[in-house]
Amino acid sequence: MDELQQWAFPLRFFRENLKLGEGGEEGRDNDVARETFERTGASVMGKRMFDLGEQAWPEEAPFHPGLRRDAHQA
């Protein structure tokens, strides 16, 4: 697991939203994660991230904001 993202895995919102199990840490970090997710209106992905995401995410993906895929290659 990437150290940059390790802080998120114990959070209650993150665990429940990604279906990693119930419970988890609550507090300001959990609130910020939930608030950030709830206000996200869309995600922008480049080709590589989109292609990898298509393979990795289950049919019932936990993230449901709109998606814009930038297909232009330089």
PDB file of N, CA and C in Angstrom:
ATOM      1  N   MET A   1       0.849  -1.171   0.000  1.00  0.00           N
ATOM      2  CA  MET A   1       0.000   0.000   0.000  1.00  0.00           C
ATOM      3  C   MET A   1       0.897   1.237   0.000  1.00  0.00           C
ATOM      4  N   ASP A   2       0.557   2.198  -0.800  1.00  0.00           N
ATOM      5  CA  ASP A   2       1.322   3.432  -0.906  1.00  0.00           C
ATOM      6  C   ASP A   2       1.209   4.235   0.386  1.00  0.00           C
ATOM      7  N   GLU A   3       2.340   4.670   0.922  1.00  0.00           N
ATOM      8  CA  GLU A   3       2.346   5.427   2.176  1.00  0.00           C
ATOM      9  C   GLU A   3       1.533   6.707   2.075  1.00  0.00           C
ATOM     10  N   LEU A   4       1.460   7.295   0.906  1.00  0.00           N
ATOM     11  CA  LEU A   4       0.712   8.529   0.723  1.00  0.00           C
ATOM     12  C   LEU A   4      -0.768   8.345   1.066  1.00  0.00           C
ATOM     13  N   GLN A   5      -1.300   7.173   0.838  1.00  0.00           N
ATOM     14  CA  GLN A   5      -2.725   6.925   1.049  1.00  0.00           C
ATOM     15  C   GLN A   5      -3.024   6.110   2.304  1.00  0.00           C
ATOM     16  N   GLN A   6      -2.016   5.722   3.053  1.00  0.00           N
ATOM     17  CA  GLN A   6      -2.224   4.875   4.229  1.00  0.00           C
ATOM     18  C   GLN A   6      -3.160   5.488   5.262  1.00  0.00           C
ATOM     19  N   TRP A   7      -3.152   6.797   5.384  1.00  0.00           N
ATOM     20  CA  TRP A   7      -3.972   7.457   6.392  1.00  0.00           C
ATOM     21  C   TRP A   7      -5.467   7.191   6.179  1.00  0.00           C
ATOM     22  N   ALA A   8      -5.879   6.939   4.945  1.00  0.00           N
ATOM     23  CA  ALA A   8      -7.301   6.816   4.637  1.00  0.00           C
ATOM     24  C   ALA A   8      -7.890   5.446   4.980  1.00  0.00           C
ATOM     25  N   PHE A   9      -7.110   4.401   4.932  1.00  0.00           N
ATOM     26  CA  PHE A   9      -7.658   3.050   5.091  1.00  0.00           C
ATOM     27  C   PHE A   9      -8.294   2.764   6.450  1.00  0.00           C
ATOM     28  N   PRO A  10      -7.818   3.334   7.557  1.00  0.00           N
ATOM     29  CA  PRO A  10      -8.487   3.076   8.833  1.00  0.00           C
ATOM     30  C   PRO A  10      -9.771   3.894   9.048  1.00  0.00           C
ATOM     31  N   LEU A  11     -10.051   4.870   8.187  1.00  0.00           N
ATOM     32  CA  LEU A  11     -11.197   5.754   8.388  1.00  0.00           C
ATOM     33  C   LEU A  11     -12.514   5.024   8.143  1.00  0.00           C
ATOM     34  N   ARG A  12     -13.476   5.297   8.996  1.00  0.00           N
ATOM     35  CA  ARG A  12     -14.787   4.646   8.888  1.00  0.00           C
ATOM     36  C   ARG A  12     -15.435   4.892   7.520  1.00  0.00           C
ATOM     37  N   PHE A  13     -15.469   6.155   7.086  1.00  0.00           N
ATOM     38  CA  PHE A  13     -16.105   6.464   5.800  1.00  0.00           C
ATOM     39  C   PHE A  13     -15.423   5.720   4.657  1.00  0.00           C
ATOM     40  N   PHE A  14     -14.114   5.742   4.628  1.00  0.00           N
ATOM     41  CA  PHE A  14     -13.357   5.103   3.556  1.00  0.00           C
ATOM     42  C   PHE A  14     -13.613   3.600   3.545  1.00  0.00           C
ATOM     43  N   ARG A  15     -13.552   2.964   4.712  1.00  0.00           N
ATOM     44  CA  ARG A  15     -13.751   1.513   4.813  1.00  0.00           C
ATOM     45  C   ARG A  15     -15.155   1.113   4.359  1.00  0.00           C
ATOM     46  N   GLU A  16     -16.151   1.847   4.833  1.00  0.00           N
ATOM     47  CA  GLU A  16     -17.528   1.496   4.488  1.00  0.00           C
ATOM     48  C   GLU A  16     -17.839   1.815   3.026  1.00  0.00           C
ATOM     49  N   ASN A  17     -17.321   2.919   2.518  1.00  0.00           N
ATOM     50  CA  ASN A  17     -17.587   3.318   1.139  1.00  0.00           C
ATOM     51  C   ASN A  17     -16.945   2.361   0.140  1.00  0.00           C
ATOM     52  N   LEU A  18     -15.778   1.841   0.478  1.00  0.00           N
ATOM     53  CA  LEU A  18     -15.101   0.888  -0.409  1.00  0.00           C
ATOM     54  C   LEU A  18     -15.450  -0.561  -0.088  1.00  0.00           C
ATOM     55  N   LYS A  19     -16.385  -0.740   0.844  1.00  0.00           N
ATOM     56  CA  LYS A  19     -16.825  -2.080   1.248  1.00  0.00           C
ATOM     57  C   LYS A  19     -15.656  -2.922   1.767  1.00  0.00           C
ATOM     58  N   LEU A  20     -14.800  -2.274   2.595  1.00  0.00           N
ATOM     59  CA  LEU A  20     -13.666  -2.959   3.218  1.00  0.00           C
ATOM     60  C   LEU A  20     -14.024  -3.478   4.602  1.00  0.00           C
ATOM     61  N   GLY A  21     -15.237  -3.232   5.044  1.00  0.00           N
ATOM     62  CA  GLY A  21     -15.672  -3.673   6.360  1.00  0.00           C
ATOM     63  C   GLY A  21     -16.321  -2.537   7.122  1.00  0.00           C
ATOM     64  N   GLU A  22     -16.957  -2.894   8.203  1.00  0.00           N
ATOM     65  CA  GLU A  22     -17.636  -1.897   9.021  1.00  0.00           C
ATOM     66  C   GLU A  22     -16.681  -1.316  10.048  1.00  0.00           C
ATOM     67  N   GLY A  23     -17.111  -0.199  10.641  1.00  0.00           N
ATOM     68  CA  GLY A  23     -16.320   0.426  11.690  1.00  0.00           C
ATOM     69  C   GLY A  23     -15.129   1.162  11.136  1.00  0.00           C
ATOM     70  N   GLY A  24     -14.320   1.647  12.035  1.00  0.00           N
ATOM     71  CA  GLY A  24     -13.140   2.399  11.645  1.00  0.00           C
ATOM     72  C   GLY A  24     -13.038   3.668  12.460  1.00  0.00           C
ATOM     73  N   GLU A  25     -11.977   4.389  12.218  1.00  0.00           N
ATOM     74  CA  GLU A  25     -11.717   5.604  12.978  1.00  0.00           C
ATOM     75  C   GLU A  25     -12.658   6.722  12.551  1.00  0.00           C
ATOM     76  N   GLU A  26     -13.097   7.480  13.543  1.00  0.00           N
ATOM     77  CA  GLU A  26     -13.891   8.667  13.274  1.00  0.00           C
ATOM     78  C   GLU A  26     -13.085   9.868  13.736  1.00  0.00           C
ATOM     79  N   GLY A  27     -13.560  11.047  13.435  1.00  0.00           N
ATOM     80  CA  GLY A  27     -12.840  12.249  13.818  1.00  0.00           C
ATOM     81  C   GLY A  27     -12.726  13.184  12.630  1.00  0.00           C
ATOM     82  N   ARG A  28     -11.850  14.159  12.750  1.00  0.00           N
ATOM     83  CA  ARG A  28     -11.738  15.185  11.707  1.00  0.00           C
ATOM     84  C   ARG A  28     -11.304  14.602  10.356  1.00  0.00           C
ATOM     85  N   ASP A  29     -10.341  13.694  10.340  1.00  0.00           N
ATOM     86  CA  ASP A  29      -9.912  13.099   9.064  1.00  0.00           C
ATOM     87  C   ASP A  29     -11.065  12.378   8.376  1.00  0.00           C
ATOM     88  N   ASN A  30     -11.858  11.655   9.144  1.00  0.00           N
ATOM     89  CA  ASN A  30     -13.016  10.948   8.598  1.00  0.00           C
ATOM     90  C   ASN A  30     -14.025  11.944   8.033  1.00  0.00           C
ATOM     91  N   ASP A  31     -14.262  13.035   8.773  1.00  0.00           N
ATOM     92  CA  ASP A  31     -15.198  14.065   8.309  1.00  0.00           C
ATOM     93  C   ASP A  31     -14.728  14.693   7.001  1.00  0.00           C
ATOM     94  N   VAL A  32     -13.432  15.000   6.920  1.00  0.00           N
ATOM     95  CA  VAL A  32     -12.876  15.612   5.708  1.00  0.00           C
ATOM     96  C   VAL A  32     -12.997  14.653   4.523  1.00  0.00           C
ATOM     97  N   ALA A  33     -12.709  13.381   4.722  1.00  0.00           N
ATOM     98  CA  ALA A  33     -12.830  12.397   3.641  1.00  0.00           C
ATOM     99  C   ALA A  33     -14.272  12.320   3.145  1.00  0.00           C
ATOM    100  N   ARG A  34     -15.219  12.257   4.065  1.00  0.00           N
ATOM    101  CA  ARG A  34     -16.636  12.180   3.690  1.00  0.00           C
ATOM    102  C   ARG A  34     -17.085  13.453   2.968  1.00  0.00           C
ATOM    103  N   GLU A  35     -16.736  14.616   3.517  1.00  0.00           N
ATOM    104  CA  GLU A  35     -17.140  15.889   2.916  1.00  0.00           C
ATOM    105  C   GLU A  35     -16.539  16.060   1.521  1.00  0.00           C
ATOM    106  N   THR A  36     -15.293  15.657   1.358  1.00  0.00           N
ATOM    107  CA  THR A  36     -14.633  15.769   0.054  1.00  0.00           C
ATOM    108  C   THR A  36     -15.320  14.871  -0.965  1.00  0.00           C
ATOM    109  N   PHE A  37     -15.616  13.639  -0.583  1.00  0.00           N
ATOM    110  CA  PHE A  37     -16.289  12.701  -1.482  1.00  0.00           C
ATOM    111  C   PHE A  37     -17.672  13.219  -1.868  1.00  0.00           C
ATOM    112  N   GLU A  38     -18.415  13.729  -0.877  1.00  0.00           N
ATOM    113  CA  GLU A  38     -19.789  14.156  -1.129  1.00  0.00           C
ATOM    114  C   GLU A  38     -19.872  15.381  -2.029  1.00  0.00           C
ATOM    115  N   ARG A  39     -18.863  16.229  -2.027  1.00  0.00           N
ATOM    116  CA  ARG A  39     -18.928  17.435  -2.857  1.00  0.00           C
ATOM    117  C   ARG A  39     -18.262  17.257  -4.223  1.00  0.00           C
ATOM    118  N   THR A  40     -17.688  16.092  -4.476  1.00  0.00           N
ATOM    119  CA  THR A  40     -17.049  15.842  -5.768  1.00  0.00           C
ATOM    120  C   THR A  40     -18.124  15.621  -6.818  1.00  0.00           C
ATOM    121  N   GLY A  41     -18.132  16.465  -7.836  1.00  0.00           N
ATOM    122  CA  GLY A  41     -19.150  16.366  -8.866  1.00  0.00           C
ATOM    123  C   GLY A  41     -18.724  15.551 -10.068  1.00  0.00           C
ATOM    124  N   ALA A  42     -17.420  15.454 -10.288  1.00  0.00           N
ATOM    125  CA  ALA A  42     -16.919  14.716 -11.447  1.00  0.00           C
ATOM    126  C   ALA A  42     -15.455  14.361 -11.220  1.00  0.00           C
ATOM    127  N   SER A  43     -15.009  13.356 -11.926  1.00  0.00           N
ATOM    128  CA  SER A  43     -13.606  12.964 -11.898  1.00  0.00           C
ATOM    129  C   SER A  43     -13.065  13.047 -13.318  1.00  0.00           C
ATOM    130  N   VAL A  44     -11.841  13.517 -13.452  1.00  0.00           N
ATOM    131  CA  VAL A  44     -11.188  13.584 -14.754  1.00  0.00           C
ATOM    132  C   VAL A  44     -10.030  12.596 -14.724  1.00  0.00           C
ATOM    133  N   MET A  45     -10.020  11.685 -15.682  1.00  0.00           N
ATOM    134  CA  MET A  45      -8.968  10.669 -15.735  1.00  0.00           C
ATOM    135  C   MET A  45      -8.286  10.710 -17.090  1.00  0.00           C
ATOM    136  N   GLY A  46      -7.011  10.454 -17.071  1.00  0.00           N
ATOM    137  CA  GLY A  46      -6.273  10.270 -18.312  1.00  0.00           C
ATOM    138  C   GLY A  46      -6.477   8.848 -18.816  1.00  0.00           C
ATOM    139  N   LYS A  47      -5.986   8.574 -19.998  1.00  0.00           N
ATOM    140  CA  LYS A  47      -6.188   7.267 -20.623  1.00  0.00           C
ATOM    141  C   LYS A  47      -5.680   6.114 -19.766  1.00  0.00           C
ATOM    142  N   ARG A  48      -4.473   6.228 -19.228  1.00  0.00           N
ATOM    143  CA  ARG A  48      -3.911   5.118 -18.454  1.00  0.00           C
ATOM    144  C   ARG A  48      -4.719   4.828 -17.195  1.00  0.00           C
ATOM    145  N   MET A  49      -5.102   5.877 -16.485  1.00  0.00           N
ATOM    146  CA  MET A  49      -5.871   5.657 -15.262  1.00  0.00           C
ATOM    147  C   MET A  49      -7.241   5.059 -15.590  1.00  0.00           C
ATOM    148  N   PHE A  50      -7.862   5.532 -16.658  1.00  0.00           N
ATOM    149  CA  PHE A  50      -9.163   5.003 -17.061  1.00  0.00           C
ATOM    150  C   PHE A  50      -9.060   3.532 -17.439  1.00  0.00           C
ATOM    151  N   ASP A  51      -8.068   3.200 -18.260  1.00  0.00           N
ATOM    152  CA  ASP A  51      -7.908   1.809 -18.698  1.00  0.00           C
ATOM    153  C   ASP A  51      -7.659   0.873 -17.519  1.00  0.00           C
ATOM    154  N   LEU A  52      -6.800   1.274 -16.590  1.00  0.00           N
ATOM    155  CA  LEU A  52      -6.531   0.441 -15.411  1.00  0.00           C
ATOM    156  C   LEU A  52      -7.756   0.356 -14.512  1.00  0.00           C
ATOM    157  N   GLY A  53      -8.472   1.462 -14.372  1.00  0.00           N
ATOM    158  CA  GLY A  53      -9.673   1.473 -13.541  1.00  0.00           C
ATOM    159  C   GLY A  53     -10.759   0.577 -14.090  1.00  0.00           C
ATOM    160  N   GLU A  54     -10.913   0.560 -15.392  1.00  0.00           N
ATOM    161  CA  GLU A  54     -11.920  -0.295 -16.013  1.00  0.00           C
ATOM    162  C   GLU A  54     -11.683  -1.765 -15.686  1.00  0.00           C
ATOM    163  N   GLN A  55     -10.418  -2.156 -15.612  1.00  0.00           N
ATOM    164  CA  GLN A  55     -10.083  -3.547 -15.315  1.00  0.00           C
ATOM    165  C   GLN A  55     -10.240  -3.858 -13.833  1.00  0.00           C
ATOM    166  N   ALA A  56      -9.916  -2.894 -12.979  1.00  0.00           N
ATOM    167  CA  ALA A  56      -9.826  -3.157 -11.545  1.00  0.00           C
ATOM    168  C   ALA A  56     -11.143  -3.000 -10.788  1.00  0.00           C
ATOM    169  N   TRP A  57     -12.003  -2.074 -11.203  1.00  0.00           N
ATOM    170  CA  TRP A  57     -13.214  -1.821 -10.431  1.00  0.00           C
ATOM    171  C   TRP A  57     -14.257  -2.910 -10.657  1.00  0.00           C
ATOM    172  N   PRO A  58     -14.952  -3.280  -9.598  1.00  0.00           N
ATOM    173  CA  PRO A  58     -16.050  -4.241  -9.745  1.00  0.00           C
ATOM    174  C   PRO A  58     -17.235  -3.574 -10.444  1.00  0.00           C
ATOM    175  N   GLU A  59     -18.202  -4.371 -10.821  1.00  0.00           N
ATOM    176  CA  GLU A  59     -19.396  -3.843 -11.492  1.00  0.00           C
ATOM    177  C   GLU A  59     -20.081  -2.775 -10.642  1.00  0.00           C
ATOM    178  N   GLU A  60     -20.168  -3.009  -9.347  1.00  0.00           N
ATOM    179  CA  GLU A  60     -20.762  -2.043  -8.419  1.00  0.00           C
ATOM    180  C   GLU A  60     -19.654  -1.188  -7.816  1.00  0.00           C
ATOM    181  N   ALA A  61     -19.049  -0.339  -8.611  1.00  0.00           N
ATOM    182  CA  ALA A  61     -17.948   0.509  -8.140  1.00  0.00           C
ATOM    183  C   ALA A  61     -18.432   1.458  -7.040  1.00  0.00           C
ATOM    184  N   PRO A  62     -17.581   1.736  -6.050  1.00  0.00           N
ATOM    185  CA  PRO A  62     -17.989   2.583  -4.933  1.00  0.00           C
ATOM    186  C   PRO A  62     -18.033   4.061  -5.270  1.00  0.00           C
ATOM    187  N   PHE A  63     -17.449   4.476  -6.384  1.00  0.00           N
ATOM    188  CA  PHE A  63     -17.440   5.881  -6.752  1.00  0.00           C
ATOM    189  C   PHE A  63     -18.409   6.104  -7.893  1.00  0.00           C
ATOM    190  N   HIS A  64     -19.301   7.079  -7.731  1.00  0.00           N
ATOM    191  CA  HIS A  64     -20.338   7.284  -8.728  1.00  0.00           C
ATOM    192  C   HIS A  64     -20.438   8.705  -9.265  1.00  0.00           C
ATOM    193  N   PRO A  65     -19.413   9.549  -9.124  1.00  0.00           N
ATOM    194  CA  PRO A  65     -19.545  10.875  -9.741  1.00  0.00           C
ATOM    195  C   PRO A  65     -19.416  10.744 -11.252  1.00  0.00           C
ATOM    196  N   GLY A  66     -19.754  11.819 -11.956  1.00  0.00           N
ATOM    197  CA  GLY A  66     -19.580  11.815 -13.399  1.00  0.00           C
ATOM    198  C   GLY A  66     -18.117  11.611 -13.755  1.00  0.00           C
ATOM    199  N   LEU A  67     -17.868  11.157 -14.944  1.00  0.00           N
ATOM    200  CA  LEU A  67     -16.501  10.873 -15.366  1.00  0.00           C
ATOM    201  C   LEU A  67     -16.258  11.461 -16.740  1.00  0.00           C
ATOM    202  N   ARG A  68     -15.125  12.126 -16.887  1.00  0.00           N
ATOM    203  CA  ARG A  68     -14.693  12.609 -18.193  1.00  0.00           C
ATOM    204  C   ARG A  68     -13.358  11.959 -18.487  1.00  0.00           C
ATOM    205  N   ARG A  69     -13.283  11.273 -19.585  1.00  0.00           N
ATOM    206  CA  ARG A  69     -12.039  10.608 -19.977  1.00  0.00           C
ATOM    207  C   ARG A  69     -11.378  11.423 -21.079  1.00  0.00           C
ATOM    208  N   ASP A  70     -10.156  11.833 -20.838  1.00  0.00           N
ATOM    209  CA  ASP A  70      -9.385  12.563 -21.837  1.00  0.00           C
ATOM    210  C   ASP A  70      -8.642  11.545 -22.690  1.00  0.00           C
ATOM    211  N   ALA A  71      -9.070  11.370 -23.919  1.00  0.00           N
ATOM    212  CA  ALA A  71      -8.508  10.326 -24.774  1.00  0.00           C
ATOM    213  C   ALA A  71      -7.381  10.833 -25.667  1.00  0.00           C
ATOM    214  N   HIS A  72      -7.070  12.110 -25.592  1.00  0.00           N
ATOM    215  CA  HIS A  72      -6.016  12.671 -26.446  1.00  0.00           C
ATOM    216  C   HIS A  72      -4.653  12.169 -26.013  1.00  0.00           C
ATOM    217  N   GLN A  73      -3.857  11.717 -26.967  1.00  0.00           N
ATOM    218  CA  GLN A  73      -2.487  11.302 -26.676  1.00  0.00           C
ATOM    219  C   GLN A  73      -1.535  12.248 -27.381  1.00  0.00           C
ATOM    220  N   ALA A  74      -0.525  12.682 -26.640  1.00  0.00           N
ATOM    221  CA  ALA A  74       0.458  13.607 -27.225  1.00  0.00           C
ATOM    222  C   ALA A  74       1.559  12.833 -27.899  1.00  0.00           C
TER     223      ALA A  74
END
